Amino acid sequence: MTWGDVDWTNNRPHIRRHKTDTRFYMLIYEYLRPLLERLRAAVQVTVSRTNHLMQSICTHDV
């Protein structure tokens, strides 16, 4: 999942299933959104729509 997969307006990321190449949506829990926003702000300089979220989480201390 990349930063570009997160729909901040509707509060949900979309995930692509590799086997079927279909997308499904999840909700961002209320308590998780502030953490994701802080992380996105911390890496804003290097974030593009193709940067992976987990890579950002592992390389930045939020």
PDB file of N, CA and C in Angstrom:
ATOM      1  N   MET A   1       0.838  -1.167   0.000  1.00  0.00           N
ATOM      2  CA  MET A   1       0.000   0.000   0.000  1.00  0.00           C
ATOM      3  C   MET A   1       0.891   1.241   0.000  1.00  0.00           C
ATOM      4  N   THR A   2       0.524   2.200  -0.814  1.00  0.00           N
ATOM      5  CA  THR A   2       1.306   3.428  -0.903  1.00  0.00           C
ATOM      6  C   THR A   2       0.507   4.596  -0.329  1.00  0.00           C
ATOM      7  N   TRP A   3       1.184   5.733  -0.143  1.00  0.00           N
ATOM      8  CA  TRP A   3       0.496   6.931   0.345  1.00  0.00           C
ATOM      9  C   TRP A   3      -0.588   7.367  -0.629  1.00  0.00           C
ATOM     10  N   GLY A   4      -0.393   7.129  -1.892  1.00  0.00           N
ATOM     11  CA  GLY A   4      -1.391   7.483  -2.889  1.00  0.00           C
ATOM     12  C   GLY A   4      -2.656   6.632  -2.807  1.00  0.00           C
ATOM     13  N   ASP A   5      -2.586   5.511  -2.096  1.00  0.00           N
ATOM     14  CA  ASP A   5      -3.749   4.645  -1.922  1.00  0.00           C
ATOM     15  C   ASP A   5      -4.681   5.125  -0.810  1.00  0.00           C
ATOM     16  N   VAL A   6      -4.266   6.121  -0.047  1.00  0.00           N
ATOM     17  CA  VAL A   6      -5.072   6.597   1.071  1.00  0.00           C
ATOM     18  C   VAL A   6      -5.994   7.716   0.597  1.00  0.00           C
ATOM     19  N   ASP A   7      -7.271   7.509   0.784  1.00  0.00           N
ATOM     20  CA  ASP A   7      -8.284   8.510   0.465  1.00  0.00           C
ATOM     21  C   ASP A   7      -8.592   9.251   1.768  1.00  0.00           C
ATOM     22  N   TRP A   8      -7.900  10.364   1.992  1.00  0.00           N
ATOM     23  CA  TRP A   8      -8.025  11.109   3.247  1.00  0.00           C
ATOM     24  C   TRP A   8      -9.398  11.749   3.393  1.00  0.00           C
ATOM     25  N   THR A   9     -10.026  12.114   2.298  1.00  0.00           N
ATOM     26  CA  THR A   9     -11.346  12.741   2.348  1.00  0.00           C
ATOM     27  C   THR A   9     -12.403  11.776   2.875  1.00  0.00           C
ATOM     28  N   ASN A  10     -12.361  10.549   2.389  1.00  0.00           N
ATOM     29  CA  ASN A  10     -13.334   9.543   2.809  1.00  0.00           C
ATOM     30  C   ASN A  10     -12.829   8.666   3.940  1.00  0.00           C
ATOM     31  N   ASN A  11     -11.635   8.963   4.432  1.00  0.00           N
ATOM     32  CA  ASN A  11     -11.073   8.279   5.596  1.00  0.00           C
ATOM     33  C   ASN A  11     -10.900   6.774   5.364  1.00  0.00           C
ATOM     34  N   ARG A  12     -10.361   6.429   4.191  1.00  0.00           N
ATOM     35  CA  ARG A  12     -10.164   5.011   3.905  1.00  0.00           C
ATOM     36  C   ARG A  12      -9.059   4.807   2.873  1.00  0.00           C
ATOM     37  N   PRO A  13      -8.235   3.797   3.083  1.00  0.00           N
ATOM     38  CA  PRO A  13      -7.265   3.404   2.056  1.00  0.00           C
ATOM     39  C   PRO A  13      -7.871   2.313   1.176  1.00  0.00           C
ATOM     40  N   HIS A  14      -7.391   2.225  -0.035  1.00  0.00           N
ATOM     41  CA  HIS A  14      -7.808   1.109  -0.869  1.00  0.00           C
ATOM     42  C   HIS A  14      -6.613   0.206  -1.097  1.00  0.00           C
ATOM     43  N   ILE A  15      -6.886  -1.061  -1.022  1.00  0.00           N
ATOM     44  CA  ILE A  15      -5.862  -2.093  -1.126  1.00  0.00           C
ATOM     45  C   ILE A  15      -6.120  -2.888  -2.403  1.00  0.00           C
ATOM     46  N   ARG A  16      -5.057  -3.176  -3.125  1.00  0.00           N
ATOM     47  CA  ARG A  16      -5.189  -3.981  -4.346  1.00  0.00           C
ATOM     48  C   ARG A  16      -4.824  -5.419  -4.043  1.00  0.00           C
ATOM     49  N   ARG A  17      -5.731  -6.305  -4.364  1.00  0.00           N
ATOM     50  CA  ARG A  17      -5.455  -7.734  -4.210  1.00  0.00           C
ATOM     51  C   ARG A  17      -4.570  -8.176  -5.380  1.00  0.00           C
ATOM     52  N   HIS A  18      -3.436  -8.758  -5.064  1.00  0.00           N
ATOM     53  CA  HIS A  18      -2.491  -9.152  -6.111  1.00  0.00           C
ATOM     54  C   HIS A  18      -3.021 -10.293  -6.985  1.00  0.00           C
ATOM     55  N   LYS A  19      -3.694 -11.235  -6.373  1.00  0.00           N
ATOM     56  CA  LYS A  19      -4.150 -12.409  -7.112  1.00  0.00           C
ATOM     57  C   LYS A  19      -5.232 -12.057  -8.140  1.00  0.00           C
ATOM     58  N   THR A  20      -6.205 -11.207  -7.725  1.00  0.00           N
ATOM     59  CA  THR A  20      -7.327 -10.889  -8.618  1.00  0.00           C
ATOM     60  C   THR A  20      -7.234  -9.491  -9.209  1.00  0.00           C
ATOM     61  N   ASP A  21      -6.294  -8.693  -8.736  1.00  0.00           N
ATOM     62  CA  ASP A  21      -6.100  -7.312  -9.179  1.00  0.00           C
ATOM     63  C   ASP A  21      -7.355  -6.452  -8.966  1.00  0.00           C
ATOM     64  N   THR A  22      -8.127  -6.800  -7.954  1.00  0.00           N
ATOM     65  CA  THR A  22      -9.288  -5.980  -7.593  1.00  0.00           C
ATOM     66  C   THR A  22      -8.935  -5.169  -6.346  1.00  0.00           C
ATOM     67  N   ARG A  23      -9.686  -4.117  -6.116  1.00  0.00           N
ATOM     68  CA  ARG A  23      -9.437  -3.268  -4.951  1.00  0.00           C
ATOM     69  C   ARG A  23     -10.551  -3.430  -3.934  1.00  0.00           C
ATOM     70  N   PHE A  24     -10.173  -3.325  -2.669  1.00  0.00           N
ATOM     71  CA  PHE A  24     -11.159  -3.268  -1.606  1.00  0.00           C
ATOM     72  C   PHE A  24     -10.778  -2.135  -0.677  1.00  0.00           C
ATOM     73  N   TYR A  25     -11.727  -1.674   0.093  1.00  0.00           N
ATOM     74  CA  TYR A  25     -11.525  -0.509   0.957  1.00  0.00           C
ATOM     75  C   TYR A  25     -11.626  -0.895   2.414  1.00  0.00           C
ATOM     76  N   MET A  26     -10.841  -0.214   3.226  1.00  0.00           N
ATOM     77  CA  MET A  26     -10.886  -0.379   4.674  1.00  0.00           C
ATOM     78  C   MET A  26     -11.138   0.998   5.269  1.00  0.00           C
ATOM     79  N   LEU A  27     -11.566   1.041   6.504  1.00  0.00           N
ATOM     80  CA  LEU A  27     -11.714   2.314   7.188  1.00  0.00           C
ATOM     81  C   LEU A  27     -10.455   2.598   8.005  1.00  0.00           C
ATOM     82  N   ILE A  28     -10.133   3.864   8.160  1.00  0.00           N
ATOM     83  CA  ILE A  28      -9.048   4.265   9.054  1.00  0.00           C
ATOM     84  C   ILE A  28      -9.697   4.536  10.404  1.00  0.00           C
ATOM     85  N   TYR A  29      -9.318   3.790  11.413  1.00  0.00           N
ATOM     86  CA  TYR A  29      -9.883   3.975  12.744  1.00  0.00           C
ATOM     87  C   TYR A  29      -9.554   5.364  13.278  1.00  0.00           C
ATOM     88  N   GLU A  30     -10.465   5.918  14.072  1.00  0.00           N
ATOM     89  CA  GLU A  30     -10.300   7.273  14.615  1.00  0.00           C
ATOM     90  C   GLU A  30      -8.977   7.448  15.345  1.00  0.00           C
ATOM     91  N   TYR A  31      -8.579   6.455  16.120  1.00  0.00           N
ATOM     92  CA  TYR A  31      -7.351   6.575  16.908  1.00  0.00           C
ATOM     93  C   TYR A  31      -6.098   6.380  16.053  1.00  0.00           C
ATOM     94  N   LEU A  32      -6.225   5.825  14.864  1.00  0.00           N
ATOM     95  CA  LEU A  32      -5.072   5.607  14.005  1.00  0.00           C
ATOM     96  C   LEU A  32      -4.802   6.792  13.083  1.00  0.00           C
ATOM     97  N   ARG A  33      -5.828   7.531  12.721  1.00  0.00           N
ATOM     98  CA  ARG A  33      -5.665   8.640  11.772  1.00  0.00           C
ATOM     99  C   ARG A  33      -4.648   9.684  12.246  1.00  0.00           C
ATOM    100  N   PRO A  34      -4.674  10.144  13.518  1.00  0.00           N
ATOM    101  CA  PRO A  34      -3.663  11.122  13.947  1.00  0.00           C
ATOM    102  C   PRO A  34      -2.230  10.611  13.776  1.00  0.00           C
ATOM    103  N   LEU A  35      -2.013   9.344  14.031  1.00  0.00           N
ATOM    104  CA  LEU A  35      -0.673   8.769  13.848  1.00  0.00           C
ATOM    105  C   LEU A  35      -0.276   8.800  12.371  1.00  0.00           C
ATOM    106  N   LEU A  36      -1.181   8.403  11.491  1.00  0.00           N
ATOM    107  CA  LEU A  36      -0.883   8.425  10.058  1.00  0.00           C
ATOM    108  C   LEU A  36      -0.644   9.849   9.558  1.00  0.00           C
ATOM    109  N   GLU A  37      -1.401  10.816  10.085  1.00  0.00           N
ATOM    110  CA  GLU A  37      -1.203  12.211   9.674  1.00  0.00           C
ATOM    111  C   GLU A  37       0.146  12.737  10.144  1.00  0.00           C
ATOM    112  N   ARG A  38       0.548  12.383  11.375  1.00  0.00           N
ATOM    113  CA  ARG A  38       1.879  12.800  11.873  1.00  0.00           C
ATOM    114  C   ARG A  38       2.983  12.172  11.038  1.00  0.00           C
ATOM    115  N   LEU A  39       2.819  10.918  10.710  1.00  0.00           N
ATOM    116  CA  LEU A  39       3.816  10.230   9.894  1.00  0.00           C
ATOM    117  C   LEU A  39       3.911  10.864   8.516  1.00  0.00           C
ATOM    118  N   ARG A  40       2.773  11.139   7.924  1.00  0.00           N
ATOM    119  CA  ARG A  40       2.770  11.767   6.592  1.00  0.00           C
ATOM    120  C   ARG A  40       3.426  13.144   6.640  1.00  0.00           C
ATOM    121  N   ALA A  41       3.164  13.912   7.710  1.00  0.00           N
ATOM    122  CA  ALA A  41       3.781  15.237   7.858  1.00  0.00           C
ATOM    123  C   ALA A  41       5.294  15.112   8.057  1.00  0.00           C
ATOM    124  N   ALA A  42       5.723  14.086   8.783  1.00  0.00           N
ATOM    125  CA  ALA A  42       7.154  13.903   9.060  1.00  0.00           C
ATOM    126  C   ALA A  42       7.937  13.549   7.810  1.00  0.00           C
ATOM    127  N   VAL A  43       7.311  12.877   6.883  1.00  0.00           N
ATOM    128  CA  VAL A  43       8.011  12.447   5.677  1.00  0.00           C
ATOM    129  C   VAL A  43       7.534  13.206   4.445  1.00  0.00           C
ATOM    130  N   GLN A  44       6.842  14.302   4.633  1.00  0.00           N
ATOM    131  CA  GLN A  44       6.229  15.047   3.534  1.00  0.00           C
ATOM    132  C   GLN A  44       7.226  15.408   2.432  1.00  0.00           C
ATOM    133  N   VAL A  45       8.445  15.703   2.798  1.00  0.00           N
ATOM    134  CA  VAL A  45       9.438  16.110   1.811  1.00  0.00           C
ATOM    135  C   VAL A  45       9.727  14.980   0.825  1.00  0.00           C
ATOM    136  N   THR A  46       9.738  13.754   1.314  1.00  0.00           N
ATOM    137  CA  THR A  46      10.113  12.631   0.469  1.00  0.00           C
ATOM    138  C   THR A  46       8.925  11.812  -0.015  1.00  0.00           C
ATOM    139  N   VAL A  47       7.733  12.113   0.477  1.00  0.00           N
ATOM    140  CA  VAL A  47       6.570  11.305   0.133  1.00  0.00           C
ATOM    141  C   VAL A  47       6.090  11.612  -1.276  1.00  0.00           C
ATOM    142  N   SER A  48       5.880  10.569  -2.008  1.00  0.00           N
ATOM    143  CA  SER A  48       5.203  10.690  -3.289  1.00  0.00           C
ATOM    144  C   SER A  48       4.066   9.683  -3.269  1.00  0.00           C
ATOM    145  N   ARG A  49       3.268   9.688  -4.277  1.00  0.00           N
ATOM    146  CA  ARG A  49       2.132   8.768  -4.313  1.00  0.00           C
ATOM    147  C   ARG A  49       2.580   7.314  -4.386  1.00  0.00           C
ATOM    148  N   THR A  50       3.842   7.086  -4.713  1.00  0.00           N
ATOM    149  CA  THR A  50       4.311   5.712  -4.856  1.00  0.00           C
ATOM    150  C   THR A  50       5.142   5.237  -3.673  1.00  0.00           C
ATOM    151  N   ASN A  51       5.426   6.101  -2.687  1.00  0.00           N
ATOM    152  CA  ASN A  51       6.156   5.665  -1.503  1.00  0.00           C
ATOM    153  C   ASN A  51       5.276   4.739  -0.673  1.00  0.00           C
ATOM    154  N   HIS A  52       5.842   3.656  -0.221  1.00  0.00           N
ATOM    155  CA  HIS A  52       5.092   2.695   0.578  1.00  0.00           C
ATOM    156  C   HIS A  52       4.979   3.174   2.018  1.00  0.00           C
ATOM    157  N   LEU A  53       3.788   2.982   2.617  1.00  0.00           N
ATOM    158  CA  LEU A  53       3.559   3.392   3.984  1.00  0.00           C
ATOM    159  C   LEU A  53       4.497   2.687   4.947  1.00  0.00           C
ATOM    160  N   MET A  54       4.636   1.373   4.817  1.00  0.00           N
ATOM    161  CA  MET A  54       5.477   0.630   5.750  1.00  0.00           C
ATOM    162  C   MET A  54       6.925   1.073   5.666  1.00  0.00           C
ATOM    163  N   GLN A  55       7.393   1.401   4.506  1.00  0.00           N
ATOM    164  CA  GLN A  55       8.757   1.898   4.355  1.00  0.00           C
ATOM    165  C   GLN A  55       8.900   3.211   5.123  1.00  0.00           C
ATOM    166  N   SER A  56       7.897   4.078   5.048  1.00  0.00           N
ATOM    167  CA  SER A  56       7.920   5.340   5.766  1.00  0.00           C
ATOM    168  C   SER A  56       7.896   5.114   7.266  1.00  0.00           C
ATOM    169  N   ILE A  57       7.069   4.180   7.706  1.00  0.00           N
ATOM    170  CA  ILE A  57       6.958   3.894   9.136  1.00  0.00           C
ATOM    171  C   ILE A  57       8.273   3.364   9.676  1.00  0.00           C
ATOM    172  N   CYS A  58       8.937   2.512   8.925  1.00  0.00           N
ATOM    173  CA  CYS A  58      10.184   1.904   9.389  1.00  0.00           C
ATOM    174  C   CYS A  58      11.366   2.856   9.374  1.00  0.00           C
ATOM    175  N   THR A  59      11.314   3.908   8.582  1.00  0.00           N
ATOM    176  CA  THR A  59      12.471   4.787   8.456  1.00  0.00           C
ATOM    177  C   THR A  59      12.318   6.121   9.177  1.00  0.00           C
ATOM    178  N   HIS A  60      11.148   6.396   9.799  1.00  0.00           N
ATOM    179  CA  HIS A  60      10.938   7.659  10.494  1.00  0.00           C
ATOM    180  C   HIS A  60      10.385   7.417  11.880  1.00  0.00           C
ATOM    181  N   ASP A  61      10.843   8.214  12.826  1.00  0.00           N
ATOM    182  CA  ASP A  61      10.385   8.115  14.204  1.00  0.00           C
ATOM    183  C   ASP A  61       9.322   9.190  14.424  1.00  0.00           C
ATOM    184  N   VAL A  62       8.098   8.783  14.660  1.00  0.00           N
ATOM    185  CA  VAL A  62       7.002   9.740  14.824  1.00  0.00           C
ATOM    186  C   VAL A  62       6.530   9.722  16.250  1.00  0.00           C
TER     187      VAL A  62
END
